[in-house]
Amino acid sequence: MTLLGGGPAGASAAYHLAKYSAASGASFNITIIERESRIGGRSTTVNAHDDPRFPVELGASIFVKVNRILVDATEDFNLSSFGIKSANAQAPGPELAVWDGERFVFVQYSGSTWWNIAKMLWRYGLAPMRTINLMKSIVAKFLKMYDEPVFPFESLTQAAQDVGLLDVTTSTGEQYLKDHSVSGDFAHDIVQASTRVNYGQNLKYIDALTSNVCMATEGAMSIEGGNWQIFDNMVSASNSRKLLNTEVKNVERQKDGSYVLGFDAAYGKASDSLTHQSFDSVIMAAPYQFANVTFKNALQHIPDSIPYVKLHVTLFTSPHLPSPAFFNLPPDQSVAKTVLTTLPKDEEPGKGSKSCGSPGFFSISRLDTIANPTNGQTEYTYKIFSPKPIDHRFLSKLLGIKHDDESATVTADEKDVTWVYRKVWHSYPYEYPRVTFEEIKLDDGFYYTSGMESFISTMETSALAGKNVARLLHDQWKMSKVEFTPQPWDFTTRIG
């Protein structure tokens, strides 16, 4: 069988299918076809200054202790993890602040958890505790999807109904909080800041399941060197055949129920020939709408196209701290290490590509302090999430850099901004309220994992989708008692 995509869902499917097979004596030959040169999908790191000592998460940055699959894999593969660390305790500034484009509506200084909770209760009353209790109730329902009798599930819609989450997915975050006596400043300042940094959406439009999951931050952690290592280890442990830099161009179902895939083993290079290979089963572990695959005979069910957030990620290093003037602060006041955003109270929340509003960005984070590998000077590593490209003028203003020539460009060659990396992602869907979710089985022997993304889009839920499909495929084998025996590999058959 083959997996199209080596991200969290594909890696998890391969890993768990291999585990189920080992336990039952089933025989699956697994091939993973991935058009990038690496495993991990949207979980990937970039090295600041191209120095492996300074990896920076470009995509999925953290997971939390309730993420069973990722936490278990971290332990199984003996990977080193760390909690969310301060961007240097020695560096000045509060730990976190929420900016509405005009002023900071919330500031959290370093200190004990109890002190921060006391400040929250003083500022927002019982709203924080009510929100935490709501979140815990919703997470408890979601976790039922991992175990029998719900798991494995052939229908995501039915599974959501069985665990009692449809009333959450059909409501907006704003309305759901109001219905549970959480509204006003806490929803606006804190919950909306969380939905914006995590999903680029405002509370008025995002679904209540996603907005509540955003608040489940207890035990947040990352893998030292990059979270992609979880999925790379999953693939290695599955003993799957990996075809990297390879793009599937077409799929044709045969009369015997197998699928012939035509794929280009030179993705990104000029090539007029395709390699063809037959597989008994296919798992599409990537969004259908971005796959660019031609189906020569239509699948029984074709996934709907859904809108995705187009997120601009800007990483850079600089010896400068953020300018207080950029945030309308006095010159002697330091800017927080993480700046999230909400909207001015008199600004109507935007939807879709207009979600960001007047702040102009979703978040600015000072991630770490490093030594420039060329000259040894102390620098700060930054990450910005925004709906549009971050240009040199924005960076100049953010860092308080003044040029005699207003048209002067701040580039990675200058002393003020020493390294820049930009990436545009279709990072996650716009998580709008919905009643039904995408089918898991698109045809006999053809499975799909990315329907999970419109339910909750995280590394963990993608891994759950992969594990679920692996179990369905394995159980189908048990029912039929038919061994899957793929044809021998033959790279000589080509068309051009």
Protein backbone atom coordinates (compact mmCIF):
# COMPACT_ATOMS: atom_id res chain seq x y z
CA MET A 1 0.00 0.00 0.00
CA THR A 2 1.07 3.60 -0.46
CA LEU A 3 0.84 6.83 1.47
CA LEU A 4 0.69 10.12 -0.38
CA GLY A 5 2.40 12.59 1.94
CA GLY A 6 5.01 12.31 4.67
CA GLY A 7 3.60 14.83 7.14
CA PRO A 8 2.20 14.00 10.59
CA ALA A 9 -0.79 12.08 9.20
CA GLY A 10 1.22 10.02 6.71
CA ALA A 11 4.03 9.26 9.15
CA SER A 12 1.55 8.25 11.84
CA ALA A 13 -0.38 6.04 9.43
CA ALA A 14 2.79 4.20 8.41
CA TYR A 15 3.99 3.84 11.99
CA HIS A 16 0.73 2.54 13.40
CA LEU A 17 0.00 0.28 10.44
CA ALA A 18 3.38 -1.35 11.00
CA LYS A 19 2.62 -1.75 14.71
CA TYR A 20 -0.83 -3.25 14.09
CA SER A 21 0.66 -5.60 11.49
CA ALA A 22 3.40 -6.80 13.79
CA ALA A 23 0.84 -7.63 16.46
CA SER A 24 -1.50 -9.53 14.15
CA GLY A 25 0.82 -11.11 11.62
CA ALA A 26 -0.54 -9.07 8.72
CA SER A 27 1.75 -8.33 5.81
CA PHE A 28 1.86 -4.76 4.51
CA ASN A 29 4.55 -3.35 2.26
CA ILE A 30 4.35 0.40 2.81
CA THR A 31 5.59 3.04 0.40
CA ILE A 32 5.55 6.74 1.29
CA ILE A 33 5.60 9.19 -1.61
CA GLU A 34 6.58 12.72 -0.58
CA ARG A 35 7.25 15.57 -2.98
CA GLU A 36 9.52 17.42 -0.57
CA SER A 37 13.04 16.29 0.27
CA ARG A 38 12.14 15.55 3.89
CA ILE A 39 9.57 13.97 6.19
CA GLY A 40 7.46 16.19 8.46
CA GLY A 41 5.11 18.21 6.27
CA ARG A 42 4.33 21.56 7.88
CA SER A 43 6.49 20.58 10.85
CA THR A 44 9.92 21.81 9.82
CA THR A 45 12.82 23.85 11.10
CA VAL A 46 15.11 26.44 9.57
CA ASN A 47 18.61 27.10 10.88
CA ALA A 48 19.30 30.74 11.71
CA HIS A 49 22.43 31.88 9.83
CA ASP A 50 22.36 28.39 8.24
CA ASP A 51 23.94 27.18 11.47
CA PRO A 52 22.55 23.88 12.85
CA ARG A 53 23.16 25.15 16.38
CA PHE A 54 20.25 27.55 15.94
CA PRO A 55 17.20 25.65 14.66
CA VAL A 56 13.95 27.63 14.53
CA GLU A 57 10.52 26.04 14.09
CA LEU A 58 9.01 27.38 10.89
CA GLY A 59 5.70 25.59 11.14
CA ALA A 60 4.11 23.62 13.95
CA SER A 61 5.97 24.79 17.06
CA ILE A 62 4.52 23.09 20.14
CA PHE A 63 2.39 20.23 21.38
CA VAL A 64 0.91 19.71 24.83
CA LYS A 65 0.77 16.93 27.38
CA VAL A 66 -2.75 15.79 26.42
CA ASN A 67 -1.44 15.04 22.90
CA ARG A 68 -1.17 11.33 23.51
CA ILE A 69 0.32 10.22 20.22
CA LEU A 70 3.06 12.84 20.11
CA VAL A 71 3.96 12.48 23.78
CA ASP A 72 4.10 8.68 23.53
CA ALA A 73 6.24 8.88 20.39
CA THR A 74 8.60 11.32 22.10
CA GLU A 75 9.13 8.77 24.87
CA ASP A 76 9.29 5.76 22.54
CA PHE A 77 11.96 7.37 20.37
CA ASN A 78 13.83 8.83 23.36
CA LEU A 79 13.68 12.34 21.94
CA SER A 80 14.74 15.29 24.07
CA SER A 81 11.90 17.70 24.74
CA PHE A 82 11.74 21.00 26.55
CA GLY A 83 8.98 23.20 27.87
CA ILE A 84 8.26 26.66 26.60
CA LYS A 85 11.34 28.53 27.64
CA SER A 86 11.64 32.21 28.26
CA ALA A 87 13.33 34.12 25.48
CA ASN A 88 16.27 34.56 27.81
CA ALA A 89 15.60 35.37 31.40
CA GLN A 90 18.34 37.99 31.22
CA ALA A 91 16.72 39.90 28.37
CA PRO A 92 14.47 42.77 29.44
CA GLY A 93 10.71 42.86 29.09
CA PRO A 94 7.58 41.06 30.26
CA GLU A 95 7.01 37.48 29.15
CA LEU A 96 3.85 38.16 27.15
CA ALA A 97 1.59 41.01 26.15
CA VAL A 98 -1.52 41.50 24.00
CA TRP A 99 -1.49 44.48 21.63
CA ASP A 100 -4.64 45.88 19.99
CA GLY A 101 -2.82 48.08 17.50
CA GLU A 102 -2.97 51.07 19.81
CA ARG A 103 -2.09 49.90 23.30
CA PHE A 104 -1.32 46.82 25.36
CA VAL A 105 -4.56 45.49 26.83
CA PHE A 106 -2.83 42.76 28.84
CA VAL A 107 0.71 42.27 30.11
CA GLN A 108 2.08 39.20 31.88
CA TYR A 109 5.37 39.59 33.71
CA SER A 110 7.56 36.71 34.73
CA GLY A 111 6.70 35.35 38.13
CA SER A 112 4.88 32.54 39.85
CA THR A 113 1.87 30.90 38.25
CA TRP A 114 -0.22 31.71 41.30
CA TRP A 115 0.62 35.40 40.96
CA ASN A 116 -0.41 35.39 37.31
CA ILE A 117 -3.67 33.62 38.17
CA ALA A 118 -4.38 36.14 40.91
CA LYS A 119 -3.82 38.98 38.46
CA MET A 120 -6.13 37.32 35.94
CA LEU A 121 -8.90 36.90 38.50
CA TRP A 122 -8.52 40.48 39.69
CA ARG A 123 -8.70 41.76 36.11
CA TYR A 124 -11.26 39.42 34.55
CA GLY A 125 -13.25 37.98 37.44
CA LEU A 126 -14.38 34.36 37.05
CA ALA A 127 -14.06 34.34 33.26
CA PRO A 128 -10.61 32.66 33.28
CA MET A 129 -11.76 29.81 35.53
CA ARG A 130 -14.94 29.29 33.53
CA THR A 131 -12.91 29.17 30.33
CA ILE A 132 -10.47 26.64 31.79
CA ASN A 133 -13.34 24.43 32.96
CA LEU A 134 -14.99 24.64 29.53
CA MET A 135 -11.73 23.72 27.84
CA LYS A 136 -11.18 20.73 30.13
CA SER A 137 -14.70 19.46 29.47
CA ILE A 138 -14.23 19.72 25.71
CA VAL A 139 -10.78 18.09 25.77
CA ALA A 140 -12.19 15.21 27.85
CA LYS A 141 -14.82 14.60 25.17
CA PHE A 142 -12.25 14.79 22.40
CA LEU A 143 -9.99 12.23 24.09
CA LYS A 144 -12.78 9.65 23.85
CA MET A 145 -11.99 9.54 20.12
CA TYR A 146 -8.76 7.67 20.93
CA ASP A 147 -10.40 4.62 22.47
CA GLU A 148 -13.10 2.04 21.90
CA PRO A 149 -15.98 2.11 21.29
CA VAL A 150 -15.43 5.28 19.23
CA PHE A 151 -12.00 4.35 17.82
CA PRO A 152 -11.52 3.46 15.05
CA PHE A 153 -14.14 5.64 13.39
CA GLU A 154 -15.29 5.35 9.79
CA SER A 155 -17.04 8.72 9.95
CA LEU A 156 -15.55 11.81 11.58
CA THR A 157 -19.00 13.38 11.74
CA GLN A 158 -20.39 10.36 13.59
CA ALA A 159 -17.40 10.27 15.93
CA ALA A 160 -17.89 13.95 16.79
CA GLN A 161 -21.53 13.24 17.53
CA ASP A 162 -20.73 10.14 19.59
CA VAL A 163 -18.38 12.04 21.91
CA GLY A 164 -20.71 15.03 22.21
CA LEU A 165 -18.76 17.63 20.24
CA LEU A 166 -21.17 18.59 17.45
CA ASP A 167 -22.76 21.28 19.59
CA VAL A 168 -19.27 22.77 19.93
CA THR A 169 -18.29 22.54 16.26
CA THR A 170 -21.55 24.15 15.13
CA SER A 171 -21.12 27.26 17.29
CA THR A 172 -18.72 30.17 16.98
CA GLY A 173 -16.20 30.63 19.74
CA GLU A 174 -17.75 33.96 20.66
CA GLN A 175 -21.28 32.61 20.96
CA TYR A 176 -20.22 29.47 22.84
CA LEU A 177 -18.36 31.51 25.44
CA LYS A 178 -21.32 33.85 25.85
CA ASP A 179 -23.62 30.87 26.33
CA HIS A 180 -21.35 29.75 29.16
CA SER A 181 -21.08 33.16 30.84
CA VAL A 182 -17.70 34.10 29.38
CA SER A 183 -17.68 37.32 27.43
CA GLY A 184 -16.37 40.85 27.54
CA ASP A 185 -12.72 41.66 28.11
CA PHE A 186 -11.38 38.15 28.75
CA ALA A 187 -12.84 36.73 25.54
CA HIS A 188 -11.65 39.78 23.61
CA ASP A 189 -8.20 40.16 25.17
CA ILE A 190 -7.06 36.63 25.91
CA VAL A 191 -9.08 34.03 23.99
CA GLN A 192 -9.12 36.03 20.76
CA ALA A 193 -5.37 36.68 21.02
CA SER A 194 -4.93 32.91 21.22
CA THR A 195 -7.15 32.15 18.21
CA ARG A 196 -5.33 34.77 16.17
CA VAL A 197 -1.81 33.51 16.88
CA ASN A 198 -2.79 29.85 16.46
CA TYR A 199 -5.24 30.06 13.55
CA GLY A 200 -5.24 33.62 12.19
CA GLN A 201 -8.93 34.03 13.00
CA ASN A 202 -11.14 36.12 15.24
CA LEU A 203 -13.45 34.76 17.91
CA LYS A 204 -16.57 35.94 16.09
CA TYR A 205 -16.00 33.51 13.22
CA ILE A 206 -13.82 30.61 14.41
CA ASP A 207 -15.64 27.50 15.63
CA ALA A 208 -15.93 26.89 19.36
CA LEU A 209 -14.04 23.60 19.32
CA THR A 210 -10.93 25.21 17.88
CA SER A 211 -11.14 28.31 20.06
CA ASN A 212 -11.35 26.19 23.21
CA VAL A 213 -8.52 23.90 22.13
CA CYS A 214 -6.37 27.03 21.77
CA MET A 215 -6.62 27.43 25.54
CA ALA A 216 -5.25 23.93 26.25
CA THR A 217 -1.65 25.00 26.77
CA GLU A 218 -0.73 23.07 29.90
CA GLY A 219 2.49 21.13 29.51
CA ALA A 220 3.43 22.78 26.21
CA MET A 221 6.65 21.33 24.81
CA SER A 222 8.84 21.04 21.73
CA ILE A 223 11.46 18.58 20.54
CA GLU A 224 15.02 19.81 20.78
CA GLY A 225 16.20 20.27 17.22
CA GLY A 226 12.70 20.25 15.73
CA ASN A 227 9.35 18.51 16.07
CA TRP A 228 9.79 16.97 12.61
CA GLN A 229 11.97 14.33 14.28
CA ILE A 230 8.87 12.68 15.73
CA PHE A 231 7.55 11.97 12.25
CA ASP A 232 10.91 11.09 10.76
CA ASN A 233 11.34 8.50 13.51
CA MET A 234 7.82 7.17 12.90
CA VAL A 235 8.65 6.56 9.25
CA SER A 236 11.97 4.93 10.08
CA ALA A 237 10.34 2.67 12.66
CA SER A 238 7.73 1.55 10.12
CA ASN A 239 10.42 0.26 7.72
CA SER A 240 8.55 1.98 4.92
CA ARG A 241 10.06 2.62 1.52
CA LYS A 242 10.49 6.38 1.11
CA LEU A 243 10.25 8.12 -2.24
CA LEU A 244 11.24 11.72 -1.54
CA ASN A 245 11.30 14.53 -4.11
CA THR A 246 8.57 12.58 -5.84
CA GLU A 247 5.18 13.89 -6.95
CA VAL A 248 2.17 11.76 -7.84
CA LYS A 249 0.68 12.98 -11.11
CA ASN A 250 -2.19 10.59 -11.74
CA VAL A 251 -4.12 7.71 -10.20
CA GLU A 252 -6.12 5.07 -12.06
CA ARG A 253 -8.21 2.38 -10.44
CA GLN A 254 -7.97 -1.06 -12.02
CA LYS A 255 -10.70 -3.65 -12.48
CA ASP A 256 -9.21 -5.77 -9.70
CA GLY A 257 -9.58 -2.87 -7.24
CA SER A 258 -5.92 -1.91 -7.16
CA TYR A 259 -4.60 1.56 -7.99
CA VAL A 260 -1.90 2.42 -10.50
CA LEU A 261 -0.04 5.60 -9.64
CA GLY A 262 1.99 7.61 -12.10
CA PHE A 263 4.63 9.63 -10.32
CA ASP A 264 7.47 11.92 -11.19
CA ALA A 265 10.66 10.98 -9.37
CA ALA A 266 12.28 14.32 -10.25
CA TYR A 267 9.91 16.76 -8.54
CA GLY A 268 10.92 20.35 -9.20
CA LYS A 269 13.03 19.40 -12.24
CA ALA A 270 12.12 19.19 -15.90
CA SER A 271 10.93 15.67 -16.66
CA ASP A 272 8.74 14.18 -19.36
CA SER A 273 8.54 10.65 -18.01
CA LEU A 274 6.51 9.04 -15.26
CA THR A 275 7.10 5.89 -13.28
CA HIS A 276 4.04 3.69 -12.77
CA GLN A 277 3.41 1.36 -9.87
CA SER A 278 0.41 -0.64 -8.70
CA PHE A 279 -0.79 -0.60 -5.09
CA ASP A 280 -3.62 -2.45 -3.38
CA SER A 281 -4.57 0.49 -1.15
CA VAL A 282 -3.89 4.22 -1.04
CA ILE A 283 -3.94 6.67 1.86
CA MET A 284 -3.99 10.30 0.77
CA ALA A 285 -2.34 12.07 3.71
CA ALA A 286 -2.37 15.58 2.27
CA PRO A 287 -5.15 18.05 1.41
CA TYR A 288 -6.84 16.89 -1.80
CA GLN A 289 -7.13 20.43 -3.16
CA PHE A 290 -3.35 20.98 -3.05
CA ALA A 291 -2.32 17.54 -4.32
CA ASN A 292 -2.53 18.34 -8.07
CA VAL A 293 -3.37 14.71 -8.82
CA THR A 294 -5.42 13.67 -11.85
CA PHE A 295 -7.81 10.77 -11.26
CA LYS A 296 -8.39 8.93 -14.52
CA ASN A 297 -11.60 7.46 -13.14
CA ALA A 298 -13.43 9.47 -10.54
CA LEU A 299 -13.43 8.52 -6.88
CA GLN A 300 -16.79 7.72 -5.32
CA HIS A 301 -16.36 10.80 -3.14
CA ILE A 302 -14.30 13.89 -3.92
CA PRO A 303 -13.37 16.12 -0.97
CA ASP A 304 -14.69 19.65 -1.06
CA SER A 305 -12.24 22.51 -1.44
CA ILE A 306 -12.14 24.64 1.69
CA PRO A 307 -10.45 28.00 2.31
CA TYR A 308 -7.02 27.89 3.94
CA VAL A 309 -5.22 30.66 5.79
CA LYS A 310 -2.35 32.10 3.76
CA LEU A 311 0.14 32.80 6.52
CA HIS A 312 3.38 34.72 6.10
CA VAL A 313 6.12 33.61 8.49
CA THR A 314 9.13 35.87 8.85
CA LEU A 315 12.19 34.73 10.79
CA PHE A 316 15.09 37.08 11.38
CA THR A 317 17.97 37.85 13.70
CA SER A 318 19.07 41.23 14.95
CA PRO A 319 21.21 42.71 17.72
CA HIS A 320 18.36 45.14 18.40
CA LEU A 321 15.46 44.77 20.83
CA PRO A 322 12.01 45.93 19.69
CA SER A 323 11.49 49.66 19.82
CA PRO A 324 9.14 50.87 22.60
CA ALA A 325 8.02 53.67 20.27
CA PHE A 326 6.62 51.09 17.82
CA PHE A 327 4.15 50.08 20.54
CA ASN A 328 3.51 53.60 21.86
CA LEU A 329 5.52 52.91 25.02
CA PRO A 330 7.82 55.31 26.88
CA PRO A 331 11.49 55.02 25.84
CA ASP A 332 12.50 53.40 29.13
CA GLN A 333 9.87 50.64 28.98
CA SER A 334 10.80 47.26 27.47
CA VAL A 335 8.63 45.38 25.00
CA ALA A 336 7.34 41.90 25.89
CA LYS A 337 9.17 38.87 24.56
CA THR A 338 5.97 37.58 22.96
CA VAL A 339 3.45 40.05 21.58
CA LEU A 340 0.05 38.65 20.60
CA THR A 341 -2.69 40.76 19.08
CA THR A 342 -6.39 41.42 19.38
CA LEU A 343 -8.48 44.23 17.86
CA PRO A 344 -9.45 47.66 19.17
CA LYS A 345 -12.83 47.32 20.83
CA ASP A 346 -14.46 49.65 18.31
CA GLU A 347 -13.15 47.65 15.33
CA GLU A 348 -15.48 45.13 13.72
CA PRO A 349 -13.69 41.75 13.48
CA GLY A 350 -12.77 40.78 9.95
CA LYS A 351 -13.31 37.40 8.35
CA GLY A 352 -11.07 35.30 6.14
CA SER A 353 -8.18 37.24 4.62
CA LYS A 354 -9.36 40.36 6.48
CA SER A 355 -9.01 38.75 9.92
CA CYS A 356 -5.85 40.54 10.97
CA GLY A 357 -7.30 44.05 11.05
CA SER A 358 -5.50 47.19 12.16
CA PRO A 359 -2.69 45.59 14.24
CA GLY A 360 -1.13 44.42 10.95
CA PHE A 361 0.30 41.18 12.34
CA PHE A 362 -0.85 38.23 14.44
CA SER A 363 2.22 37.85 16.65
CA ILE A 364 5.84 38.86 17.14
CA SER A 365 7.99 36.53 19.24
CA ARG A 366 11.54 36.96 20.48
CA LEU A 367 12.48 33.29 20.53
CA ASP A 368 16.05 33.12 21.71
CA THR A 369 19.38 34.84 22.22
CA ILE A 370 22.24 33.60 20.07
CA ALA A 371 25.82 34.53 19.26
CA ASN A 372 26.30 35.58 15.66
CA PRO A 373 28.51 32.82 14.17
CA THR A 374 30.55 35.36 12.20
CA ASN A 375 31.39 38.03 14.75
CA GLY A 376 30.12 36.62 18.05
CA GLN A 377 27.82 39.55 18.82
CA THR A 378 24.69 38.92 20.85
CA GLU A 379 21.57 38.70 18.70
CA TYR A 380 17.91 37.90 19.12
CA THR A 381 15.95 35.45 16.99
CA TYR A 382 12.48 36.67 16.02
CA LYS A 383 9.39 35.13 14.45
CA ILE A 384 6.49 37.13 13.00
CA PHE A 385 3.13 35.74 11.85
CA SER A 386 1.28 38.05 9.48
CA PRO A 387 -1.30 37.98 6.66
CA LYS A 388 1.00 39.90 4.31
CA PRO A 389 4.74 40.05 3.65
CA ILE A 390 6.83 41.83 6.27
CA ASP A 391 8.98 44.34 4.41
CA HIS A 392 12.12 46.25 5.37
CA ARG A 393 10.18 49.33 6.47
CA PHE A 394 8.19 47.28 8.98
CA LEU A 395 11.39 45.78 10.39
CA SER A 396 13.03 49.20 10.56
CA LYS A 397 10.13 50.63 12.56
CA LEU A 398 9.87 47.56 14.78
CA LEU A 399 13.55 47.75 15.69
CA GLY A 400 13.74 51.54 15.86
CA ILE A 401 16.26 51.75 13.02
CA LYS A 402 16.49 55.17 11.41
CA HIS A 403 17.97 55.72 7.96
CA ASP A 404 18.99 58.98 6.40
CA ASP A 405 17.54 57.67 3.18
CA GLU A 406 13.94 56.57 3.75
CA SER A 407 14.20 54.24 0.75
CA ALA A 408 17.15 52.42 2.29
CA THR A 409 16.63 48.68 2.45
CA VAL A 410 17.20 46.60 5.55
CA THR A 411 18.64 43.34 4.27
CA ALA A 412 20.38 40.31 5.71
CA ASP A 413 23.70 41.83 4.69
CA GLU A 414 23.38 44.77 7.06
CA LYS A 415 24.41 44.99 10.66
CA ASP A 416 20.86 45.71 11.88
CA VAL A 417 19.12 42.65 10.44
CA THR A 418 21.73 39.96 10.00
CA TRP A 419 19.61 37.08 8.68
CA VAL A 420 16.08 36.80 7.25
CA TYR A 421 13.98 33.84 6.15
CA ARG A 422 10.47 34.17 4.73
CA LYS A 423 7.88 31.47 4.10
CA VAL A 424 4.27 31.53 2.95
CA TRP A 425 2.11 28.62 4.14
CA HIS A 426 -1.38 27.38 3.51
CA SER A 427 -1.02 26.80 7.20
CA TYR A 428 -4.47 25.53 8.27
CA PRO A 429 -8.09 25.91 7.15
CA TYR A 430 -10.32 28.72 8.26
CA GLU A 431 -12.00 26.82 11.07
CA TYR A 432 -15.59 27.91 10.54
CA PRO A 433 -18.49 26.25 12.38
CA ARG A 434 -19.81 23.20 10.56
CA VAL A 435 -22.15 20.27 11.11
CA THR A 436 -20.51 17.62 8.92
CA PHE A 437 -16.93 16.70 8.11
CA GLU A 438 -15.15 15.15 5.16
CA GLU A 439 -15.41 11.45 4.39
CA ILE A 440 -12.54 9.21 5.49
CA LYS A 441 -13.04 6.53 2.84
CA LEU A 442 -13.17 8.12 -0.62
CA ASP A 443 -13.46 4.79 -2.45
CA ASP A 444 -12.81 1.11 -1.87
CA GLY A 445 -9.22 0.91 -0.73
CA PHE A 446 -8.70 4.69 -0.90
CA TYR A 447 -8.54 6.60 2.39
CA TYR A 448 -8.21 10.27 3.28
CA THR A 449 -6.83 11.91 6.42
CA SER A 450 -7.08 15.65 5.77
CA GLY A 451 -10.77 15.89 6.60
CA MET A 452 -9.50 16.15 10.17
CA GLU A 453 -8.08 19.60 9.40
CA SER A 454 -11.50 21.26 9.31
CA PHE A 455 -12.31 19.59 12.65
CA ILE A 456 -9.11 20.55 14.48
CA SER A 457 -5.86 21.30 12.65
CA THR A 458 -2.87 20.31 14.80
CA MET A 459 0.05 17.90 14.59
CA GLU A 460 -1.70 15.65 17.11
CA THR A 461 -5.06 15.50 15.34
CA SER A 462 -3.33 14.80 12.02
CA ALA A 463 -1.44 11.98 13.74
CA LEU A 464 -4.75 10.69 15.12
CA ALA A 465 -6.26 10.77 11.62
CA GLY A 466 -3.32 8.72 10.35
CA LYS A 467 -3.58 6.22 13.20
CA ASN A 468 -7.32 5.90 12.64
CA VAL A 469 -6.94 5.14 8.94
CA ALA A 470 -4.18 2.65 9.70
CA ARG A 471 -6.50 0.80 12.05
CA LEU A 472 -9.37 0.84 9.52
CA LEU A 473 -7.10 -0.56 6.83
CA HIS A 474 -5.72 -3.20 9.18
CA ASP A 475 -9.19 -4.22 10.36
CA GLN A 476 -10.31 -4.52 6.75
CA TRP A 477 -7.47 -6.98 6.22
CA LYS A 478 -8.53 -8.96 9.29
CA MET A 479 -12.08 -9.14 8.00
CA SER A 480 -11.10 -10.34 4.56
CA LYS A 481 -8.16 -12.53 5.66
CA VAL A 482 -6.54 -11.64 2.36
CA GLU A 483 -2.85 -10.86 2.34
CA PHE A 484 -1.90 -7.67 0.51
CA THR A 485 0.89 -8.58 -1.89
CA PRO A 486 2.09 -5.58 -3.93
CA GLN A 487 3.75 -6.25 -7.26
CA PRO A 488 7.54 -6.27 -7.29
CA TRP A 489 9.16 -2.92 -7.87
CA ASP A 490 9.84 -2.23 -11.53
CA PHE A 491 11.23 1.12 -12.55
CA THR A 492 11.70 0.09 -16.16
CA THR A 493 8.14 0.76 -17.26
CA ARG A 494 7.93 4.38 -18.29
CA ILE A 495 5.91 6.57 -20.55
CA GLY A 496 7.13 9.82 -22.02
